[in-house]
Amino acid sequence: MAGAEQRITIGFRGQTLPVRTTPDQVSGLVGALREGRGGWFDLRSEDGSIFLDLAKVEYVRIDEHEQRVGFGL
């Protein structure tokens, strides 16, 4: 998984899970949540697969800007 990765944070039951994944994976997760699908979702991240119980996901924050470290623009 290289190239266009996107940062998201998944919140559930007082916990958060930061993830870097592809925009296609983000779209799939958001689509499953919007449709109210239950069950498990296999989210593929840069670190491997994450199996999420969709019934326990409370929110997904999608970072719109690339995070930068250091000085300058």
PDB file of N, CA and C in Angstrom:
ATOM      1  N   MET A   1       0.862  -1.163   0.000  1.00  0.00           N
ATOM      2  CA  MET A   1       0.000   0.000   0.000  1.00  0.00           C
ATOM      3  C   MET A   1       0.909   1.226   0.000  1.00  0.00           C
ATOM      4  N   ALA A   2       1.166   1.752  -1.155  1.00  0.00           N
ATOM      5  CA  ALA A   2       2.035   2.925  -1.238  1.00  0.00           C
ATOM      6  C   ALA A   2       1.339   4.014  -2.032  1.00  0.00           C
ATOM      7  N   GLY A   3       1.776   5.228  -1.827  1.00  0.00           N
ATOM      8  CA  GLY A   3       1.219   6.329  -2.600  1.00  0.00           C
ATOM      9  C   GLY A   3       0.175   7.117  -1.863  1.00  0.00           C
ATOM     10  N   ALA A   4      -1.039   7.116  -2.397  1.00  0.00           N
ATOM     11  CA  ALA A   4      -2.116   7.974  -1.893  1.00  0.00           C
ATOM     12  C   ALA A   4      -2.777   7.362  -0.667  1.00  0.00           C
ATOM     13  N   GLU A   5      -2.159   7.561   0.484  1.00  0.00           N
ATOM     14  CA  GLU A   5      -2.759   7.078   1.719  1.00  0.00           C
ATOM     15  C   GLU A   5      -3.470   8.213   2.415  1.00  0.00           C
ATOM     16  N   GLN A   6      -4.481   7.883   3.167  1.00  0.00           N
ATOM     17  CA  GLN A   6      -5.298   8.868   3.851  1.00  0.00           C
ATOM     18  C   GLN A   6      -5.336   8.510   5.330  1.00  0.00           C
ATOM     19  N   ARG A   7      -5.280   9.544   6.168  1.00  0.00           N
ATOM     20  CA  ARG A   7      -5.337   9.335   7.618  1.00  0.00           C
ATOM     21  C   ARG A   7      -6.781   9.444   8.087  1.00  0.00           C
ATOM     22  N   ILE A   8      -7.203   8.451   8.864  1.00  0.00           N
ATOM     23  CA  ILE A   8      -8.520   8.498   9.484  1.00  0.00           C
ATOM     24  C   ILE A   8      -8.371   8.085  10.951  1.00  0.00           C
ATOM     25  N   THR A   9      -9.347   8.449  11.746  1.00  0.00           N
ATOM     26  CA  THR A   9      -9.424   7.988  13.129  1.00  0.00           C
ATOM     27  C   THR A   9     -10.797   7.375  13.326  1.00  0.00           C
ATOM     28  N   ILE A  10     -10.822   6.156  13.825  1.00  0.00           N
ATOM     29  CA  ILE A  10     -12.071   5.445  14.064  1.00  0.00           C
ATOM     30  C   ILE A  10     -12.323   5.458  15.567  1.00  0.00           C
ATOM     31  N   GLY A  11     -13.504   5.918  15.959  1.00  0.00           N
ATOM     32  CA  GLY A  11     -13.849   5.996  17.374  1.00  0.00           C
ATOM     33  C   GLY A  11     -14.907   4.982  17.735  1.00  0.00           C
ATOM     34  N   PHE A  12     -14.709   4.325  18.874  1.00  0.00           N
ATOM     35  CA  PHE A  12     -15.693   3.370  19.353  1.00  0.00           C
ATOM     36  C   PHE A  12     -15.524   3.154  20.854  1.00  0.00           C
ATOM     37  N   ARG A  13     -16.636   3.216  21.566  1.00  0.00           N
ATOM     38  CA  ARG A  13     -16.691   2.918  23.000  1.00  0.00           C
ATOM     39  C   ARG A  13     -15.563   3.557  23.806  1.00  0.00           C
ATOM     40  N   GLY A  14     -15.327   4.860  23.611  1.00  0.00           N
ATOM     41  CA  GLY A  14     -14.324   5.567  24.383  1.00  0.00           C
ATOM     42  C   GLY A  14     -12.893   5.363  23.918  1.00  0.00           C
ATOM     43  N   GLN A  15     -12.682   4.632  22.863  1.00  0.00           N
ATOM     44  CA  GLN A  15     -11.352   4.371  22.315  1.00  0.00           C
ATOM     45  C   GLN A  15     -11.248   4.949  20.914  1.00  0.00           C
ATOM     46  N   THR A  16     -10.032   5.247  20.492  1.00  0.00           N
ATOM     47  CA  THR A  16      -9.814   5.684  19.115  1.00  0.00           C
ATOM     48  C   THR A  16      -8.724   4.834  18.480  1.00  0.00           C
ATOM     49  N   LEU A  17      -8.835   4.693  17.175  1.00  0.00           N
ATOM     50  CA  LEU A  17      -7.869   3.912  16.420  1.00  0.00           C
ATOM     51  C   LEU A  17      -7.427   4.733  15.209  1.00  0.00           C
ATOM     52  N   PRO A  18      -6.200   5.285  15.230  1.00  0.00           N
ATOM     53  CA  PRO A  18      -5.706   6.004  14.064  1.00  0.00           C
ATOM     54  C   PRO A  18      -5.233   5.015  12.998  1.00  0.00           C
ATOM     55  N   VAL A  19      -5.579   5.303  11.748  1.00  0.00           N
ATOM     56  CA  VAL A  19      -5.279   4.388  10.647  1.00  0.00           C
ATOM     57  C   VAL A  19      -4.845   5.187   9.422  1.00  0.00           C
ATOM     58  N   ARG A  20      -3.893   4.636   8.667  1.00  0.00           N
ATOM     59  CA  ARG A  20      -3.540   5.160   7.345  1.00  0.00           C
ATOM     60  C   ARG A  20      -3.949   4.101   6.330  1.00  0.00           C
ATOM     61  N   THR A  21      -4.810   4.509   5.378  1.00  0.00           N
ATOM     62  CA  THR A  21      -5.317   3.562   4.390  1.00  0.00           C
ATOM     63  C   THR A  21      -5.588   4.302   3.087  1.00  0.00           C
ATOM     64  N   THR A  22      -6.075   3.593   2.091  1.00  0.00           N
ATOM     65  CA  THR A  22      -6.341   4.210   0.789  1.00  0.00           C
ATOM     66  C   THR A  22      -7.718   4.882   0.784  1.00  0.00           C
ATOM     67  N   PRO A  23      -7.902   5.856  -0.088  1.00  0.00           N
ATOM     68  CA  PRO A  23      -9.226   6.475  -0.217  1.00  0.00           C
ATOM     69  C   PRO A  23     -10.325   5.466  -0.564  1.00  0.00           C
ATOM     70  N   ASP A  24     -10.005   4.430  -1.326  1.00  0.00           N
ATOM     71  CA  ASP A  24     -11.003   3.404  -1.659  1.00  0.00           C
ATOM     72  C   ASP A  24     -11.463   2.659  -0.410  1.00  0.00           C
ATOM     73  N   GLN A  25     -10.543   2.360   0.489  1.00  0.00           N
ATOM     74  CA  GLN A  25     -10.902   1.685   1.735  1.00  0.00           C
ATOM     75  C   GLN A  25     -11.755   2.592   2.614  1.00  0.00           C
ATOM     76  N   VAL A  26     -11.411   3.885   2.656  1.00  0.00           N
ATOM     77  CA  VAL A  26     -12.199   4.844   3.430  1.00  0.00           C
ATOM     78  C   VAL A  26     -13.621   4.912   2.879  1.00  0.00           C
ATOM     79  N   SER A  27     -13.747   4.996   1.565  1.00  0.00           N
ATOM     80  CA  SER A  27     -15.068   5.042   0.931  1.00  0.00           C
ATOM     81  C   SER A  27     -15.883   3.791   1.244  1.00  0.00           C
ATOM     82  N   GLY A  28     -15.240   2.637   1.212  1.00  0.00           N
ATOM     83  CA  GLY A  28     -15.931   1.390   1.523  1.00  0.00           C
ATOM     84  C   GLY A  28     -16.435   1.357   2.957  1.00  0.00           C
ATOM     85  N   LEU A  29     -15.599   1.818   3.890  1.00  0.00           N
ATOM     86  CA  LEU A  29     -16.002   1.849   5.294  1.00  0.00           C
ATOM     87  C   LEU A  29     -17.144   2.827   5.517  1.00  0.00           C
ATOM     88  N   VAL A  30     -17.023   4.027   4.980  1.00  0.00           N
ATOM     89  CA  VAL A  30     -18.070   5.036   5.146  1.00  0.00           C
ATOM     90  C   VAL A  30     -19.372   4.566   4.502  1.00  0.00           C
ATOM     91  N   GLY A  31     -19.275   3.953   3.331  1.00  0.00           N
ATOM     92  CA  GLY A  31     -20.468   3.423   2.660  1.00  0.00           C
ATOM     93  C   GLY A  31     -21.161   2.358   3.490  1.00  0.00           C
ATOM     94  N   ALA A  32     -20.386   1.458   4.077  1.00  0.00           N
ATOM     95  CA  ALA A  32     -20.968   0.395   4.914  1.00  0.00           C
ATOM     96  C   ALA A  32     -21.657   0.988   6.139  1.00  0.00           C
ATOM     97  N   LEU A  33     -21.052   2.014   6.727  1.00  0.00           N
ATOM     98  CA  LEU A  33     -21.664   2.657   7.897  1.00  0.00           C
ATOM     99  C   LEU A  33     -22.931   3.413   7.518  1.00  0.00           C
ATOM    100  N   ARG A  34     -22.905   4.115   6.390  1.00  0.00           N
ATOM    101  CA  ARG A  34     -24.090   4.864   5.955  1.00  0.00           C
ATOM    102  C   ARG A  34     -25.259   3.944   5.642  1.00  0.00           C
ATOM    103  N   GLU A  35     -24.976   2.781   5.096  1.00  0.00           N
ATOM    104  CA  GLU A  35     -26.033   1.819   4.754  1.00  0.00           C
ATOM    105  C   GLU A  35     -26.566   1.099   5.991  1.00  0.00           C
ATOM    106  N   GLY A  36     -25.891   1.297   7.122  1.00  0.00           N
ATOM    107  CA  GLY A  36     -26.329   0.641   8.346  1.00  0.00           C
ATOM    108  C   GLY A  36     -26.028  -0.838   8.386  1.00  0.00           C
ATOM    109  N   ARG A  37     -25.061  -1.251   7.584  1.00  0.00           N
ATOM    110  CA  ARG A  37     -24.684  -2.663   7.581  1.00  0.00           C
ATOM    111  C   ARG A  37     -24.100  -3.048   8.932  1.00  0.00           C
ATOM    112  N   GLY A  38     -24.449  -4.194   9.388  1.00  0.00           N
ATOM    113  CA  GLY A  38     -23.856  -4.727  10.608  1.00  0.00           C
ATOM    114  C   GLY A  38     -22.753  -5.700  10.246  1.00  0.00           C
ATOM    115  N   GLY A  39     -22.237  -6.349  11.232  1.00  0.00           N
ATOM    116  CA  GLY A  39     -21.217  -7.360  10.976  1.00  0.00           C
ATOM    117  C   GLY A  39     -19.819  -6.777  10.951  1.00  0.00           C
ATOM    118  N   TRP A  40     -18.943  -7.494  10.308  1.00  0.00           N
ATOM    119  CA  TRP A  40     -17.533  -7.154  10.303  1.00  0.00           C
ATOM    120  C   TRP A  40     -17.110  -6.536   8.987  1.00  0.00           C
ATOM    121  N   PHE A  41     -16.162  -5.608   9.064  1.00  0.00           N
ATOM    122  CA  PHE A  41     -15.601  -4.958   7.881  1.00  0.00           C
ATOM    123  C   PHE A  41     -14.091  -5.145   7.915  1.00  0.00           C
ATOM    124  N   ASP A  42     -13.534  -5.614   6.826  1.00  0.00           N
ATOM    125  CA  ASP A  42     -12.083  -5.821   6.705  1.00  0.00           C
ATOM    126  C   ASP A  42     -11.467  -4.552   6.121  1.00  0.00           C
ATOM    127  N   LEU A  43     -10.869  -3.738   6.973  1.00  0.00           N
ATOM    128  CA  LEU A  43     -10.222  -2.507   6.545  1.00  0.00           C
ATOM    129  C   LEU A  43      -8.736  -2.783   6.376  1.00  0.00           C
ATOM    130  N   ARG A  44      -8.235  -2.590   5.184  1.00  0.00           N
ATOM    131  CA  ARG A  44      -6.820  -2.849   4.915  1.00  0.00           C
ATOM    132  C   ARG A  44      -6.035  -1.554   5.081  1.00  0.00           C
ATOM    133  N   SER A  45      -5.084  -1.584   6.004  1.00  0.00           N
ATOM    134  CA  SER A  45      -4.276  -0.402   6.290  1.00  0.00           C
ATOM    135  C   SER A  45      -2.838  -0.653   5.860  1.00  0.00           C
ATOM    136  N   GLU A  46      -1.999   0.372   6.049  1.00  0.00           N
ATOM    137  CA  GLU A  46      -0.591   0.195   5.692  1.00  0.00           C
ATOM    138  C   GLU A  46       0.097  -0.812   6.614  1.00  0.00           C
ATOM    139  N   ASP A  47      -0.495  -1.079   7.780  1.00  0.00           N
ATOM    140  CA  ASP A  47       0.083  -2.027   8.729  1.00  0.00           C
ATOM    141  C   ASP A  47      -0.530  -3.422   8.652  1.00  0.00           C
ATOM    142  N   GLY A  48      -1.568  -3.601   7.844  1.00  0.00           N
ATOM    143  CA  GLY A  48      -2.226  -4.890   7.725  1.00  0.00           C
ATOM    144  C   GLY A  48      -3.735  -4.746   7.804  1.00  0.00           C
ATOM    145  N   SER A  49      -4.428  -5.854   7.933  1.00  0.00           N
ATOM    146  CA  SER A  49      -5.886  -5.845   7.992  1.00  0.00           C
ATOM    147  C   SER A  49      -6.370  -5.549   9.408  1.00  0.00           C
ATOM    148  N   ILE A  50      -7.450  -4.759   9.465  1.00  0.00           N
ATOM    149  CA  ILE A  50      -8.127  -4.462  10.723  1.00  0.00           C
ATOM    150  C   ILE A  50      -9.570  -4.891  10.540  1.00  0.00           C
ATOM    151  N   PHE A  51     -10.034  -5.793  11.390  1.00  0.00           N
ATOM    152  CA  PHE A  51     -11.413  -6.262  11.305  1.00  0.00           C
ATOM    153  C   PHE A  51     -12.244  -5.475  12.305  1.00  0.00           C
ATOM    154  N   LEU A  52     -13.188  -4.692  11.791  1.00  0.00           N
ATOM    155  CA  LEU A  52     -14.005  -3.802  12.611  1.00  0.00           C
ATOM    156  C   LEU A  52     -15.426  -4.336  12.739  1.00  0.00           C
ATOM    157  N   ASP A  53     -15.947  -4.315  13.952  1.00  0.00           N
ATOM    158  CA  ASP A  53     -17.351  -4.617  14.185  1.00  0.00           C
ATOM    159  C   ASP A  53     -18.119  -3.318  13.933  1.00  0.00           C
ATOM    160  N   LEU A  54     -18.808  -3.233  12.813  1.00  0.00           N
ATOM    161  CA  LEU A  54     -19.471  -1.991  12.405  1.00  0.00           C
ATOM    162  C   LEU A  54     -20.505  -1.514  13.413  1.00  0.00           C
ATOM    163  N   ALA A  55     -21.088  -2.416  14.164  1.00  0.00           N
ATOM    164  CA  ALA A  55     -22.103  -2.031  15.148  1.00  0.00           C
ATOM    165  C   ALA A  55     -21.496  -1.229  16.299  1.00  0.00           C
ATOM    166  N   LYS A  56     -20.194  -1.306  16.489  1.00  0.00           N
ATOM    167  CA  LYS A  56     -19.540  -0.618  17.603  1.00  0.00           C
ATOM    168  C   LYS A  56     -18.822   0.664  17.190  1.00  0.00           C
ATOM    169  N   VAL A  57     -18.771   0.944  15.898  1.00  0.00           N
ATOM    170  CA  VAL A  57     -18.105   2.170  15.430  1.00  0.00           C
ATOM    171  C   VAL A  57     -19.015   3.357  15.707  1.00  0.00           C
ATOM    172  N   GLU A  58     -18.504   4.338  16.451  1.00  0.00           N
ATOM    173  CA  GLU A  58     -19.285   5.526  16.791  1.00  0.00           C
ATOM    174  C   GLU A  58     -19.018   6.684  15.842  1.00  0.00           C
ATOM    175  N   TYR A  59     -17.798   6.794  15.354  1.00  0.00           N
ATOM    176  CA  TYR A  59     -17.488   7.856  14.392  1.00  0.00           C
ATOM    177  C   TYR A  59     -16.237   7.518  13.595  1.00  0.00           C
ATOM    178  N   VAL A  60     -16.095   8.194  12.462  1.00  0.00           N
ATOM    179  CA  VAL A  60     -14.882   8.125  11.646  1.00  0.00           C
ATOM    180  C   VAL A  60     -14.498   9.556  11.313  1.00  0.00           C
ATOM    181  N   ARG A  61     -13.313   9.969  11.745  1.00  0.00           N
ATOM    182  CA  ARG A  61     -12.805  11.296  11.392  1.00  0.00           C
ATOM    183  C   ARG A  61     -11.834  11.124  10.241  1.00  0.00           C
ATOM    184  N   ILE A  62     -12.074  11.873   9.164  1.00  0.00           N
ATOM    185  CA  ILE A  62     -11.235  11.798   7.973  1.00  0.00           C
ATOM    186  C   ILE A  62     -10.400  13.065   7.909  1.00  0.00           C
ATOM    187  N   ASP A  63      -9.084  12.915   7.993  1.00  0.00           N
ATOM    188  CA  ASP A  63      -8.185  14.059   7.911  1.00  0.00           C
ATOM    189  C   ASP A  63      -8.085  14.507   6.459  1.00  0.00           C
ATOM    190  N   GLU A  64      -8.356  15.774   6.245  1.00  0.00           N
ATOM    191  CA  GLU A  64      -8.376  16.320   4.887  1.00  0.00           C
ATOM    192  C   GLU A  64      -7.024  16.866   4.437  1.00  0.00           C
ATOM    193  N   HIS A  65      -6.156  17.184   5.387  1.00  0.00           N
ATOM    194  CA  HIS A  65      -4.867  17.795   5.048  1.00  0.00           C
ATOM    195  C   HIS A  65      -3.730  16.881   5.447  1.00  0.00           C
ATOM    196  N   GLU A  66      -2.703  16.875   4.640  1.00  0.00           N
ATOM    197  CA  GLU A  66      -1.516  16.093   4.937  1.00  0.00           C
ATOM    198  C   GLU A  66      -0.788  16.712   6.119  1.00  0.00           C
ATOM    199  N   GLN A  67      -0.426  15.897   7.076  1.00  0.00           N
ATOM    200  CA  GLN A  67       0.291  16.380   8.245  1.00  0.00           C
ATOM    201  C   GLN A  67       1.751  16.575   7.874  1.00  0.00           C
ATOM    202  N   ARG A  68       2.311  17.709   8.313  1.00  0.00           N
ATOM    203  CA  ARG A  68       3.704  18.012   7.996  1.00  0.00           C
ATOM    204  C   ARG A  68       4.505  18.162   9.280  1.00  0.00           C
ATOM    205  N   VAL A  69       5.751  17.781   9.205  1.00  0.00           N
ATOM    206  CA  VAL A  69       6.652  17.899  10.336  1.00  0.00           C
ATOM    207  C   VAL A  69       7.828  18.759   9.909  1.00  0.00           C
ATOM    208  N   GLY A  70       8.228  19.687  10.752  1.00  0.00           N
ATOM    209  CA  GLY A  70       9.386  20.514  10.433  1.00  0.00           C
ATOM    210  C   GLY A  70       9.018  21.964  10.227  1.00  0.00           C
ATOM    211  N   PHE A  71       9.950  22.681   9.678  1.00  0.00           N
ATOM    212  CA  PHE A  71       9.786  24.107   9.477  1.00  0.00           C
ATOM    213  C   PHE A  71       9.471  24.403   8.015  1.00  0.00           C
ATOM    214  N   GLY A  72       8.877  25.551   7.781  1.00  0.00           N
ATOM    215  CA  GLY A  72       8.580  25.960   6.415  1.00  0.00           C
ATOM    216  C   GLY A  72       7.160  25.649   6.013  1.00  0.00           C
ATOM    217  N   LEU A  73       6.861  25.869   4.762  1.00  0.00           N
ATOM    218  CA  LEU A  73       5.525  25.649   4.252  1.00  0.00           C
ATOM    219  C   LEU A  73       5.438  24.293   3.712  1.00  0.00           C
TER     220      LEU A  73
END
